[in-house]
PDB file of N, CA and C in Angstrom:
ATOM      1  N   MET A   1     123.967  52.137  88.935  1.00  0.00           N
ATOM      2  CA  MET A   1     123.376  50.803  88.608  1.00  0.00           C
ATOM      3  C   MET A   1     123.441  50.706  87.054  1.00  0.00           C
ATOM      4  N   SER A   2     123.938  49.552  86.575  1.00  0.00           N
ATOM      5  CA  SER A   2     124.059  49.439  85.192  1.00  0.00           C
ATOM      6  C   SER A   2     122.744  49.057  84.549  1.00  0.00           C
ATOM      7  N   LYS A   3     122.646  49.302  83.239  1.00  0.00           N
ATOM      8  CA  LYS A   3     121.486  49.024  82.552  1.00  0.00           C
ATOM      9  C   LYS A   3     121.144  47.531  82.498  1.00  0.00           C
ATOM     10  N   GLY A   4     119.891  47.116  82.587  1.00  0.00           N
ATOM     11  CA  GLY A   4     119.502  45.755  82.561  1.00  0.00           C
ATOM     12  C   GLY A   4     119.507  45.067  83.848  1.00  0.00           C
ATOM     13  N   ARG A   5     119.956  45.694  84.871  1.00  0.00           N
ATOM     14  CA  ARG A   5     119.941  45.069  86.195  1.00  0.00           C
ATOM     15  C   ARG A   5     118.775  45.590  87.032  1.00  0.00           C
ATOM     16  N   SER A   6     118.202  44.789  87.794  1.00  0.00           N
ATOM     17  CA  SER A   6     117.091  45.237  88.675  1.00  0.00           C
ATOM     18  C   SER A   6     117.787  45.846  89.908  1.00  0.00           C
ATOM     19  N   SER A   7     116.995  46.696  90.540  1.00  0.00           N
ATOM     20  CA  SER A   7     117.579  47.337  91.799  1.00  0.00           C
ATOM     21  C   SER A   7     117.566  46.289  92.855  1.00  0.00           C
ATOM     22  N   THR A   8     118.268  46.544  93.918  1.00  0.00           N
ATOM     23  CA  THR A   8     118.413  45.644  95.093  1.00  0.00           C
ATOM     24  C   THR A   8     117.007  45.434  95.651  1.00  0.00           C
ATOM     25  N   SER A   9     116.294  46.529  95.847  1.00  0.00           N
ATOM     26  CA  SER A   9     114.978  46.403  96.489  1.00  0.00           C
ATOM     27  C   SER A   9     114.031  45.518  95.626  1.00  0.00           C
ATOM     28  N   GLU A  10     114.152  45.630  94.308  1.00  0.00           N
ATOM     29  CA  GLU A  10     113.332  44.777  93.455  1.00  0.00           C
ATOM     30  C   GLU A  10     113.759  43.329  93.515  1.00  0.00           C
ATOM     31  N   SER A  11     115.082  43.075  93.548  1.00  0.00           N
ATOM     32  CA  SER A  11     115.546  41.673  93.651  1.00  0.00           C
ATOM     33  C   SER A  11     115.200  41.028  94.938  1.00  0.00           C
ATOM     34  N   LEU A  12     114.936  41.818  96.031  1.00  0.00           N
ATOM     35  CA  LEU A  12     114.602  41.286  97.296  1.00  0.00           C
ATOM     36  C   LEU A  12     113.017  41.174  97.430  1.00  0.00           C
ATOM     37  N   GLY A  13     112.368  41.570  96.376  1.00  0.00           N
ATOM     38  CA  GLY A  13     110.885  41.538  96.459  1.00  0.00           C
ATOM     39  C   GLY A  13     110.289  42.710  97.210  1.00  0.00           C
ATOM     40  N   VAL A  14     111.055  43.787  97.224  1.00  0.00           N
ATOM     41  CA  VAL A  14     110.577  44.984  97.925  1.00  0.00           C
ATOM     42  C   VAL A  14     110.227  45.994  96.906  1.00  0.00           C
ATOM     43  N   PRO A  15     109.044  46.607  97.076  1.00  0.00           N
ATOM     44  CA  PRO A  15     108.644  47.581  96.066  1.00  0.00           C
ATOM     45  C   PRO A  15     109.605  48.784  96.153  1.00  0.00           C
ATOM     46  N   SER A  16     109.938  49.309  94.989  1.00  0.00           N
ATOM     47  CA  SER A  16     110.883  50.332  94.847  1.00  0.00           C
ATOM     48  C   SER A  16     110.411  51.720  95.176  1.00  0.00           C
ATOM     49  N   PHE A  17     109.099  51.860  95.410  1.00  0.00           N
ATOM     50  CA  PHE A  17     108.545  53.189  95.700  1.00  0.00           C
ATOM     51  C   PHE A  17     109.021  53.758  96.992  1.00  0.00           C
ATOM     52  N   GLY A  18     109.594  52.957  97.888  1.00  0.00           N
ATOM     53  CA  GLY A  18     110.023  53.508  99.185  1.00  0.00           C
ATOM     54  C   GLY A  18     111.500  53.945  99.203  1.00  0.00           C
ATOM     55  N   PHE A  19     112.154  53.849  98.096  1.00  0.00           N
ATOM     56  CA  PHE A  19     113.566  54.146  98.112  1.00  0.00           C
ATOM     57  C   PHE A  19     113.821  55.130  96.914  1.00  0.00           C
ATOM     58  N   ALA A  20     114.624  56.171  97.235  1.00  0.00           N
ATOM     59  CA  ALA A  20     115.023  57.086  96.235  1.00  0.00           C
ATOM     60  C   ALA A  20     116.261  56.521  95.490  1.00  0.00           C
ATOM     61  N   GLU A  21     116.236  56.453  94.216  1.00  0.00           N
ATOM     62  CA  GLU A  21     117.350  55.932  93.447  1.00  0.00           C
ATOM     63  C   GLU A  21     118.214  57.121  92.970  1.00  0.00           C
ATOM     64  N   ARG A  22     119.542  56.910  93.039  1.00  0.00           N
ATOM     65  CA  ARG A  22     120.427  57.955  92.480  1.00  0.00           C
ATOM     66  C   ARG A  22     120.556  57.680  91.024  1.00  0.00           C
ATOM     67  N   SER A  23     120.912  58.776  90.321  1.00  0.00           N
ATOM     68  CA  SER A  23     121.192  58.597  88.891  1.00  0.00           C
ATOM     69  C   SER A  23     122.576  57.998  88.745  1.00  0.00           C
ATOM     70  N   PRO A  24     122.796  57.309  87.646  1.00  0.00           N
ATOM     71  CA  PRO A  24     124.133  56.660  87.456  1.00  0.00           C
ATOM     72  C   PRO A  24     125.305  57.617  87.641  1.00  0.00           C
ATOM     73  N   ALA A  25     125.112  58.892  87.212  1.00  0.00           N
ATOM     74  CA  ALA A  25     126.179  59.864  87.280  1.00  0.00           C
ATOM     75  C   ALA A  25     126.465  60.204  88.732  1.00  0.00           C
ATOM     76  N   ALA A  26     125.484  60.097  89.609  1.00  0.00           N
ATOM     77  CA  ALA A  26     125.688  60.456  91.071  1.00  0.00           C
ATOM     78  C   ALA A  26     126.293  59.293  91.823  1.00  0.00           C
ATOM     79  N   GLU A  27     126.337  58.108  91.274  1.00  0.00           N
ATOM     80  CA  GLU A  27     126.930  56.970  91.937  1.00  0.00           C
ATOM     81  C   GLU A  27     128.381  57.055  92.108  1.00  0.00           C
ATOM     82  N   THR A  28     128.871  56.880  93.351  1.00  0.00           N
ATOM     83  CA  THR A  28     130.309  56.913  93.632  1.00  0.00           C
ATOM     84  C   THR A  28     130.533  55.740  94.516  1.00  0.00           C
ATOM     85  N   LYS A  29     131.717  55.186  94.352  1.00  0.00           N
ATOM     86  CA  LYS A  29     132.148  54.097  95.246  1.00  0.00           C
ATOM     87  C   LYS A  29     133.064  54.643  96.345  1.00  0.00           C
ATOM     88  N   GLY A  30     132.883  54.050  97.440  1.00  0.00           N
ATOM     89  CA  GLY A  30     133.742  54.389  98.622  1.00  0.00           C
ATOM     90  C   GLY A  30     134.134  53.149  99.320  1.00  0.00           C
ATOM     91  N   SER A  31     134.819  53.299 100.422  1.00  0.00           N
ATOM     92  CA  SER A  31     135.234  52.102 101.170  1.00  0.00           C
ATOM     93  C   SER A  31     134.775  52.277 102.613  1.00  0.00           C
ATOM     94  N   ILE A  32     134.567  51.119 103.246  1.00  0.00           N
ATOM     95  CA  ILE A  32     134.247  51.030 104.656  1.00  0.00           C
ATOM     96  C   ILE A  32     135.324  50.116 105.301  1.00  0.00           C
ATOM     97  N   ASN A  33     135.945  50.583 106.256  1.00  0.00           N
ATOM     98  CA  ASN A  33     137.004  49.722 106.920  1.00  0.00           C
ATOM     99  C   ASN A  33     136.410  49.238 108.224  1.00  0.00           C
ATOM    100  N   LEU A  34     136.493  47.887 108.420  1.00  0.00           N
ATOM    101  CA  LEU A  34     135.925  47.320 109.616  1.00  0.00           C
ATOM    102  C   LEU A  34     137.038  46.545 110.340  1.00  0.00           C
ATOM    103  N   ARG A  35     136.983  46.586 111.657  1.00  0.00           N
ATOM    104  CA  ARG A  35     137.882  45.767 112.498  1.00  0.00           C
ATOM    105  C   ARG A  35     136.996  44.686 113.127  1.00  0.00           C
ATOM    106  N   ILE A  36     137.308  43.444 112.755  1.00  0.00           N
ATOM    107  CA  ILE A  36     136.505  42.332 113.241  1.00  0.00           C
ATOM    108  C   ILE A  36     137.445  41.236 113.795  1.00  0.00           C
ATOM    109  N   GLU A  37     136.954  40.415 114.742  1.00  0.00           N
ATOM    110  CA  GLU A  37     137.710  39.355 115.212  1.00  0.00           C
ATOM    111  C   GLU A  37     137.936  38.250 114.132  1.00  0.00           C
ATOM    112  N   GLY A  38     139.030  37.567 114.247  1.00  0.00           N
ATOM    113  CA  GLY A  38     139.373  36.538 113.265  1.00  0.00           C
ATOM    114  C   GLY A  38     138.281  35.521 113.085  1.00  0.00           C
ATOM    115  N   LYS A  39     137.663  35.089 114.214  1.00  0.00           N
ATOM    116  CA  LYS A  39     136.621  34.036 114.095  1.00  0.00           C
ATOM    117  C   LYS A  39     135.437  34.576 113.251  1.00  0.00           C
ATOM    118  N   THR A  40     135.106  35.835 113.457  1.00  0.00           N
ATOM    119  CA  THR A  40     133.945  36.386 112.660  1.00  0.00           C
ATOM    120  C   THR A  40     134.347  36.572 111.270  1.00  0.00           C
ATOM    121  N   ARG A  41     135.531  36.937 110.950  1.00  0.00           N
ATOM    122  CA  ARG A  41     136.042  37.019 109.632  1.00  0.00           C
ATOM    123  C   ARG A  41     135.969  35.678 108.860  1.00  0.00           C
ATOM    124  N   ARG A  42     136.446  34.637 109.544  1.00  0.00           N
ATOM    125  CA  ARG A  42     136.421  33.274 109.011  1.00  0.00           C
ATOM    126  C   ARG A  42     134.926  32.813 108.746  1.00  0.00           C
ATOM    127  N   LEU A  43     134.100  33.099 109.664  1.00  0.00           N
ATOM    128  CA  LEU A  43     132.683  32.743 109.529  1.00  0.00           C
ATOM    129  C   LEU A  43     132.048  33.425 108.273  1.00  0.00           C
ATOM    130  N   ILE A  44     132.389  34.722 108.083  1.00  0.00           N
ATOM    131  CA  ILE A  44     131.931  35.427 106.851  1.00  0.00           C
ATOM    132  C   ILE A  44     132.500  34.812 105.644  1.00  0.00           C
ATOM    133  N   ASP A  45     133.777  34.587 105.675  1.00  0.00           N
ATOM    134  CA  ASP A  45     134.463  33.974 104.518  1.00  0.00           C
ATOM    135  C   ASP A  45     133.871  32.681 104.108  1.00  0.00           C
ATOM    136  N   ASP A  46     133.656  31.778 105.140  1.00  0.00           N
ATOM    137  CA  ASP A  46     133.077  30.475 104.918  1.00  0.00           C
ATOM    138  C   ASP A  46     131.652  30.606 104.241  1.00  0.00           C
ATOM    139  N   ALA A  47     130.854  31.463 104.816  1.00  0.00           N
ATOM    140  CA  ALA A  47     129.494  31.685 104.280  1.00  0.00           C
ATOM    141  C   ALA A  47     129.548  32.213 102.845  1.00  0.00           C
ATOM    142  N   ALA A  48     130.444  33.199 102.584  1.00  0.00           N
ATOM    143  CA  ALA A  48     130.561  33.759 101.225  1.00  0.00           C
ATOM    144  C   ALA A  48     131.058  32.655 100.283  1.00  0.00           C
ATOM    145  N   ALA A  49     132.014  31.815 100.699  1.00  0.00           N
ATOM    146  CA  ALA A  49     132.495  30.778  99.824  1.00  0.00           C
ATOM    147  C   ALA A  49     131.401  29.764  99.429  1.00  0.00           C
ATOM    148  N   ILE A  50     130.546  29.461 100.403  1.00  0.00           N
ATOM    149  CA  ILE A  50     129.462  28.493 100.120  1.00  0.00           C
ATOM    150  C   ILE A  50     128.578  29.101  99.060  1.00  0.00           C
ATOM    151  N   LEU A  51     128.312  30.409  99.078  1.00  0.00           N
ATOM    152  CA  LEU A  51     127.529  31.065  98.081  1.00  0.00           C
ATOM    153  C   LEU A  51     128.210  31.391  96.771  1.00  0.00           C
ATOM    154  N   GLY A  52     129.578  31.213  96.732  1.00  0.00           N
ATOM    155  CA  GLY A  52     130.299  31.529  95.580  1.00  0.00           C
ATOM    156  C   GLY A  52     130.496  33.036  95.404  1.00  0.00           C
ATOM    157  N   LYS A  53     130.542  33.753  96.570  1.00  0.00           N
ATOM    158  CA  LYS A  53     130.744  35.196  96.555  1.00  0.00           C
ATOM    159  C   LYS A  53     132.062  35.549  97.226  1.00  0.00           C
ATOM    160  N   THR A  54     132.505  36.784  96.951  1.00  0.00           N
ATOM    161  CA  THR A  54     133.656  37.294  97.668  1.00  0.00           C
ATOM    162  C   THR A  54     133.184  37.792  98.990  1.00  0.00           C
ATOM    163  N   ARG A  55     134.109  38.024  99.904  1.00  0.00           N
ATOM    164  CA  ARG A  55     133.721  38.563 101.204  1.00  0.00           C
ATOM    165  C   ARG A  55     132.990  39.911 101.006  1.00  0.00           C
ATOM    166  N   THR A  56     133.491  40.774 100.123  1.00  0.00           N
ATOM    167  CA  THR A  56     132.898  42.068  99.953  1.00  0.00           C
ATOM    168  C   THR A  56     131.464  41.907  99.400  1.00  0.00           C
ATOM    169  N   GLU A  57     131.266  41.092  98.426  1.00  0.00           N
ATOM    170  CA  GLU A  57     129.959  40.866  97.885  1.00  0.00           C
ATOM    171  C   GLU A  57     128.949  40.380  98.912  1.00  0.00           C
ATOM    172  N   PHE A  58     129.428  39.392  99.739  1.00  0.00           N
ATOM    173  CA  PHE A  58     128.583  38.835 100.766  1.00  0.00           C
ATOM    174  C   PHE A  58     128.260  39.858 101.792  1.00  0.00           C
ATOM    175  N   MET A  59     129.273  40.659 102.248  1.00  0.00           N
ATOM    176  CA  MET A  59     128.961  41.657 103.276  1.00  0.00           C
ATOM    177  C   MET A  59     128.044  42.786 102.762  1.00  0.00           C
ATOM    178  N   ILE A  60     128.304  43.263 101.562  1.00  0.00           N
ATOM    179  CA  ILE A  60     127.451  44.342 101.001  1.00  0.00           C
ATOM    180  C   ILE A  60     126.007  43.895 100.818  1.00  0.00           C
ATOM    181  N   GLU A  61     125.833  42.650 100.261  1.00  0.00           N
ATOM    182  CA  GLU A  61     124.466  42.148 100.154  1.00  0.00           C
ATOM    183  C   GLU A  61     123.775  41.895 101.463  1.00  0.00           C
ATOM    184  N   SER A  62     124.523  41.392 102.424  1.00  0.00           N
ATOM    185  CA  SER A  62     123.883  41.227 103.748  1.00  0.00           C
ATOM    186  C   SER A  62     123.538  42.509 104.437  1.00  0.00           C
ATOM    187  N   ALA A  63     124.410  43.447 104.403  1.00  0.00           N
ATOM    188  CA  ALA A  63     124.137  44.736 104.979  1.00  0.00           C
ATOM    189  C   ALA A  63     123.029  45.484 104.317  1.00  0.00           C
ATOM    190  N   ARG A  64     123.004  45.375 102.958  1.00  0.00           N
ATOM    191  CA  ARG A  64     121.929  46.098 102.180  1.00  0.00           C
ATOM    192  C   ARG A  64     120.587  45.389 102.523  1.00  0.00           C
ATOM    193  N   ARG A  65     120.517  44.103 102.548  1.00  0.00           N
ATOM    194  CA  ARG A  65     119.279  43.430 102.889  1.00  0.00           C
ATOM    195  C   ARG A  65     118.763  43.813 104.289  1.00  0.00           C
ATOM    196  N   GLN A  66     119.708  43.847 105.239  1.00  0.00           N
ATOM    197  CA  GLN A  66     119.287  44.219 106.611  1.00  0.00           C
ATOM    198  C   GLN A  66     118.877  45.684 106.687  1.00  0.00           C
ATOM    199  N   ALA A  67     119.483  46.577 105.882  1.00  0.00           N
ATOM    200  CA  ALA A  67     119.161  47.949 105.924  1.00  0.00           C
ATOM    201  C   ALA A  67     117.733  48.124 105.308  1.00  0.00           C
ATOM    202  N   ILE A  68     117.384  47.388 104.247  1.00  0.00           N
ATOM    203  CA  ILE A  68     116.068  47.468 103.697  1.00  0.00           C
ATOM    204  C   ILE A  68     115.044  46.949 104.688  1.00  0.00           C
ATOM    205  N   ASP A  69     115.327  45.891 105.340  1.00  0.00           N
ATOM    206  CA  ASP A  69     114.393  45.374 106.353  1.00  0.00           C
ATOM    207  C   ASP A  69     114.133  46.416 107.433  1.00  0.00           C
ATOM    208  N   VAL A  70     115.189  47.067 107.910  1.00  0.00           N
ATOM    209  CA  VAL A  70     115.033  48.058 108.990  1.00  0.00           C
ATOM    210  C   VAL A  70     114.149  49.170 108.538  1.00  0.00           C
ATOM    211  N   LEU A  71     114.482  49.668 107.330  1.00  0.00           N
ATOM    212  CA  LEU A  71     113.683  50.800 106.752  1.00  0.00           C
ATOM    213  C   LEU A  71     112.215  50.443 106.570  1.00  0.00           C
ATOM    214  N   LEU A  72     111.948  49.247 106.008  1.00  0.00           N
ATOM    215  CA  LEU A  72     110.639  48.835 105.750  1.00  0.00           C
ATOM    216  C   LEU A  72     109.805  48.608 107.074  1.00  0.00           C
ATOM    217  N   ASP A  73     110.582  48.151 108.115  1.00  0.00           N
ATOM    218  CA  ASP A  73     109.869  47.959 109.432  1.00  0.00           C
ATOM    219  C   ASP A  73     109.407  49.285 109.933  1.00  0.00           C
ATOM    220  N   GLN A  74     109.992  50.388 109.502  1.00  0.00           N
ATOM    221  CA  GLN A  74     109.588  51.695 109.989  1.00  0.00           C
ATOM    222  C   GLN A  74     108.585  52.405 109.079  1.00  0.00           C
ATOM    223  N   ARG A  75     108.399  51.886 107.823  1.00  0.00           N
ATOM    224  CA  ARG A  75     107.636  52.612 106.841  1.00  0.00           C
ATOM    225  C   ARG A  75     106.460  51.840 106.304  1.00  0.00           C
ATOM    226  N   LEU A  76     106.519  50.517 106.400  1.00  0.00           N
ATOM    227  CA  LEU A  76     105.524  49.694 105.673  1.00  0.00           C
ATOM    228  C   LEU A  76     104.926  48.701 106.637  1.00  0.00           C
ATOM    229  N   PHE A  77     103.621  48.656 106.669  1.00  0.00           N
ATOM    230  CA  PHE A  77     102.966  47.595 107.424  1.00  0.00           C
ATOM    231  C   PHE A  77     101.716  47.175 106.593  1.00  0.00           C
ATOM    232  N   ALA A  78     101.368  45.908 106.835  1.00  0.00           N
ATOM    233  CA  ALA A  78     100.214  45.365 106.051  1.00  0.00           C
ATOM    234  C   ALA A  78      99.092  45.032 107.092  1.00  0.00           C
ATOM    235  N   LEU A  79      97.899  45.276 106.703  1.00  0.00           N
ATOM    236  CA  LEU A  79      96.694  44.910 107.584  1.00  0.00           C
ATOM    237  C   LEU A  79      95.720  44.202 106.800  1.00  0.00           C
ATOM    238  N   ASP A  80      94.967  43.214 107.468  1.00  0.00           N
ATOM    239  CA  ASP A  80      93.880  42.574 106.805  1.00  0.00           C
ATOM    240  C   ASP A  80      92.767  43.611 106.718  1.00  0.00           C
ATOM    241  N   PRO A  81      91.740  43.389 105.906  1.00  0.00           N
ATOM    242  CA  PRO A  81      90.670  44.393 105.707  1.00  0.00           C
ATOM    243  C   PRO A  81      89.971  44.874 107.005  1.00  0.00           C
ATOM    244  N   ASP A  82      89.715  43.982 107.905  1.00  0.00           N
ATOM    245  CA  ASP A  82      89.073  44.477 109.193  1.00  0.00           C
ATOM    246  C   ASP A  82      89.990  45.389 109.965  1.00  0.00           C
ATOM    247  N   ARG A  83      91.221  45.036 110.116  1.00  0.00           N
ATOM    248  CA  ARG A  83      92.146  45.919 110.901  1.00  0.00           C
ATOM    249  C   ARG A  83      92.360  47.236 110.113  1.00  0.00           C
ATOM    250  N   TYR A  84      92.421  47.149 108.791  1.00  0.00           N
ATOM    251  CA  TYR A  84      92.653  48.393 107.998  1.00  0.00           C
ATOM    252  C   TYR A  84      91.455  49.292 108.286  1.00  0.00           C
ATOM    253  N   ASP A  85      90.210  48.818 108.239  1.00  0.00           N
ATOM    254  CA  ASP A  85      89.057  49.601 108.542  1.00  0.00           C
ATOM    255  C   ASP A  85      89.147  50.320 109.946  1.00  0.00           C
ATOM    256  N   ALA A  86      89.519  49.470 110.909  1.00  0.00           N
ATOM    257  CA  ALA A  86      89.662  50.016 112.264  1.00  0.00           C
ATOM    258  C   ALA A  86      90.753  51.031 112.304  1.00  0.00           C
ATOM    259  N   PHE A  87      91.844  50.868 111.564  1.00  0.00           N
ATOM    260  CA  PHE A  87      92.926  51.829 111.548  1.00  0.00           C
ATOM    261  C   PHE A  87      92.459  53.103 110.964  1.00  0.00           C
ATOM    262  N   VAL A  88      91.765  53.063 109.791  1.00  0.00           N
ATOM    263  CA  VAL A  88      91.271  54.291 109.127  1.00  0.00           C
ATOM    264  C   VAL A  88      90.243  54.967 110.037  1.00  0.00           C
ATOM    265  N   GLN A  89      89.426  54.199 110.718  1.00  0.00           N
ATOM    266  CA  GLN A  89      88.437  54.794 111.621  1.00  0.00           C
ATOM    267  C   GLN A  89      89.045  55.511 112.709  1.00  0.00           C
ATOM    268  N   ALA A  90      90.162  54.983 113.304  1.00  0.00           N
ATOM    269  CA  ALA A  90      90.899  55.628 114.358  1.00  0.00           C
ATOM    270  C   ALA A  90      91.607  56.888 113.863  1.00  0.00           C
ATOM    271  N   LEU A  91      92.076  56.886 112.664  1.00  0.00           N
ATOM    272  CA  LEU A  91      92.695  58.042 112.055  1.00  0.00           C
ATOM    273  C   LEU A  91      91.656  59.160 111.812  1.00  0.00           C
ATOM    274  N   ASP A  92      90.503  58.724 111.307  1.00  0.00           N
ATOM    275  CA  ASP A  92      89.489  59.716 110.983  1.00  0.00           C
ATOM    276  C   ASP A  92      88.748  60.266 112.213  1.00  0.00           C
ATOM    277  N   ASN A  93      88.749  59.505 113.373  1.00  0.00           N
ATOM    278  CA  ASN A  93      88.132  59.990 114.562  1.00  0.00           C
ATOM    279  C   ASN A  93      89.046  59.911 115.762  1.00  0.00           C
ATOM    280  N   PRO A  94      89.993  60.815 115.815  1.00  0.00           N
ATOM    281  CA  PRO A  94      90.897  60.794 116.959  1.00  0.00           C
ATOM    282  C   PRO A  94      90.215  61.089 118.258  1.00  0.00           C
ATOM    283  N   PRO A  95      90.788  60.641 119.393  1.00  0.00           N
ATOM    284  CA  PRO A  95      90.141  60.934 120.655  1.00  0.00           C
ATOM    285  C   PRO A  95      90.263  62.499 120.930  1.00  0.00           C
ATOM    286  N   ALA A  96      89.375  62.989 121.781  1.00  0.00           N
ATOM    287  CA  ALA A  96      89.457  64.322 122.223  1.00  0.00           C
ATOM    288  C   ALA A  96      90.726  64.577 122.986  1.00  0.00           C
ATOM    289  N   PRO A  97      91.376  65.776 122.824  1.00  0.00           N
ATOM    290  CA  PRO A  97      92.547  66.062 123.568  1.00  0.00           C
ATOM    291  C   PRO A  97      92.364  65.990 125.109  1.00  0.00           C
ATOM    292  N   GLY A  98      93.195  65.287 125.778  1.00  0.00           N
ATOM    293  CA  GLY A  98      93.181  65.244 127.282  1.00  0.00           C
ATOM    294  C   GLY A  98      93.954  66.321 127.836  1.00  0.00           C
ATOM    295  N   PRO A  99      94.055  66.409 129.236  1.00  0.00           N
ATOM    296  CA  PRO A  99      94.779  67.440 129.896  1.00  0.00           C
ATOM    297  C   PRO A  99      96.241  67.370 129.588  1.00  0.00           C
ATOM    298  N   LYS A 100      96.838  66.257 129.428  1.00  0.00           N
ATOM    299  CA  LYS A 100      98.314  66.219 129.179  1.00  0.00           C
ATOM    300  C   LYS A 100      98.655  66.794 127.750  1.00  0.00           C
ATOM    301  N   LEU A 101      97.832  66.468 126.787  1.00  0.00           N
ATOM    302  CA  LEU A 101      98.017  67.013 125.446  1.00  0.00           C
ATOM    303  C   LEU A 101      97.760  68.521 125.418  1.00  0.00           C
ATOM    304  N   ARG A 102      96.793  68.988 126.145  1.00  0.00           N
ATOM    305  CA  ARG A 102      96.540  70.428 126.180  1.00  0.00           C
ATOM    306  C   ARG A 102      97.765  71.156 126.885  1.00  0.00           C
ATOM    307  N   SER A 103      98.229  70.587 127.907  1.00  0.00           N
ATOM    308  CA  SER A 103      99.396  71.110 128.626  1.00  0.00           C
ATOM    309  C   SER A 103     100.575  71.161 127.735  1.00  0.00           C
ATOM    310  N   LEU A 104     100.859  70.146 126.968  1.00  0.00           N
ATOM    311  CA  LEU A 104     101.964  70.021 126.080  1.00  0.00           C
ATOM    312  C   LEU A 104     101.780  71.123 124.977  1.00  0.00           C
ATOM    313  N   MET A 105     100.628  71.303 124.428  1.00  0.00           N
ATOM    314  CA  MET A 105     100.451  72.226 123.359  1.00  0.00           C
ATOM    315  C   MET A 105     100.592  73.700 123.821  1.00  0.00           C
ATOM    316  N   ARG A 106     100.419  73.894 125.119  1.00  0.00           N
ATOM    317  CA  ARG A 106     100.576  75.297 125.649  1.00  0.00           C
ATOM    318  C   ARG A 106     102.024  75.634 125.878  1.00  0.00           C
ATOM    319  N   ARG A 107     102.844  74.672 126.004  1.00  0.00           N
ATOM    320  CA  ARG A 107     104.285  74.860 126.294  1.00  0.00           C
ATOM    321  C   ARG A 107     105.029  75.538 125.085  1.00  0.00           C
ATOM    322  N   VAL A 108     105.994  76.373 125.375  1.00  0.00           N
ATOM    323  CA  VAL A 108     106.814  76.957 124.335  1.00  0.00           C
ATOM    324  C   VAL A 108     107.867  75.900 123.927  1.00  0.00           C
ATOM    325  N   PRO A 109     107.978  75.554 122.605  1.00  0.00           N
ATOM    326  CA  PRO A 109     108.947  74.563 122.171  1.00  0.00           C
ATOM    327  C   PRO A 109     110.400  75.022 122.576  1.00  0.00           C
ATOM    328  N   ALA A 110     111.279  74.051 122.774  1.00  0.00           N
ATOM    329  CA  ALA A 110     112.641  74.260 123.196  1.00  0.00           C
ATOM    330  C   ALA A 110     113.345  75.178 122.158  1.00  0.00           C
ATOM    331  N   TRP A 111     113.023  74.934 120.888  1.00  0.00           N
ATOM    332  CA  TRP A 111     113.801  75.672 119.877  1.00  0.00           C
ATOM    333  C   TRP A 111     113.287  77.153 119.715  1.00  0.00           C
ATOM    334  N   ARG A 112     112.270  77.488 120.410  1.00  0.00           N
ATOM    335  CA  ARG A 112     111.809  78.899 120.468  1.00  0.00           C
ATOM    336  C   ARG A 112     112.152  79.676 121.742  1.00  0.00           C
ATOM    337  N   LYS A 113     112.762  78.950 122.630  1.00  0.00           N
ATOM    338  CA  LYS A 113     113.180  79.572 123.894  1.00  0.00           C
ATOM    339  C   LYS A 113     114.442  80.407 123.736  1.00  0.00           C
TER     340      LYS A 113
END
């Protein structure tokens, strides 16, 4: 990433704490080859043209945005104060282990067999 530019996560309003940034020296460019139907390619080209972007810019930005959304869906959630208190209460006071959990904990893991 060049100096003076904000990271993608910051430009999308996503806090950067959830993403490891590579140093500029470690950044390498590669290629991804895709086979797509002509109608899909035209659709992408039309959308990119409307935004004044190349097909590559449009596809990279779209894929990056989707990847961030997927990762954040797995890592970040927001709760109102009442639900947060209930969540913390549940973490601090887990239910007693039931018979299924006890049985599971007695089993030898597959990687130790």
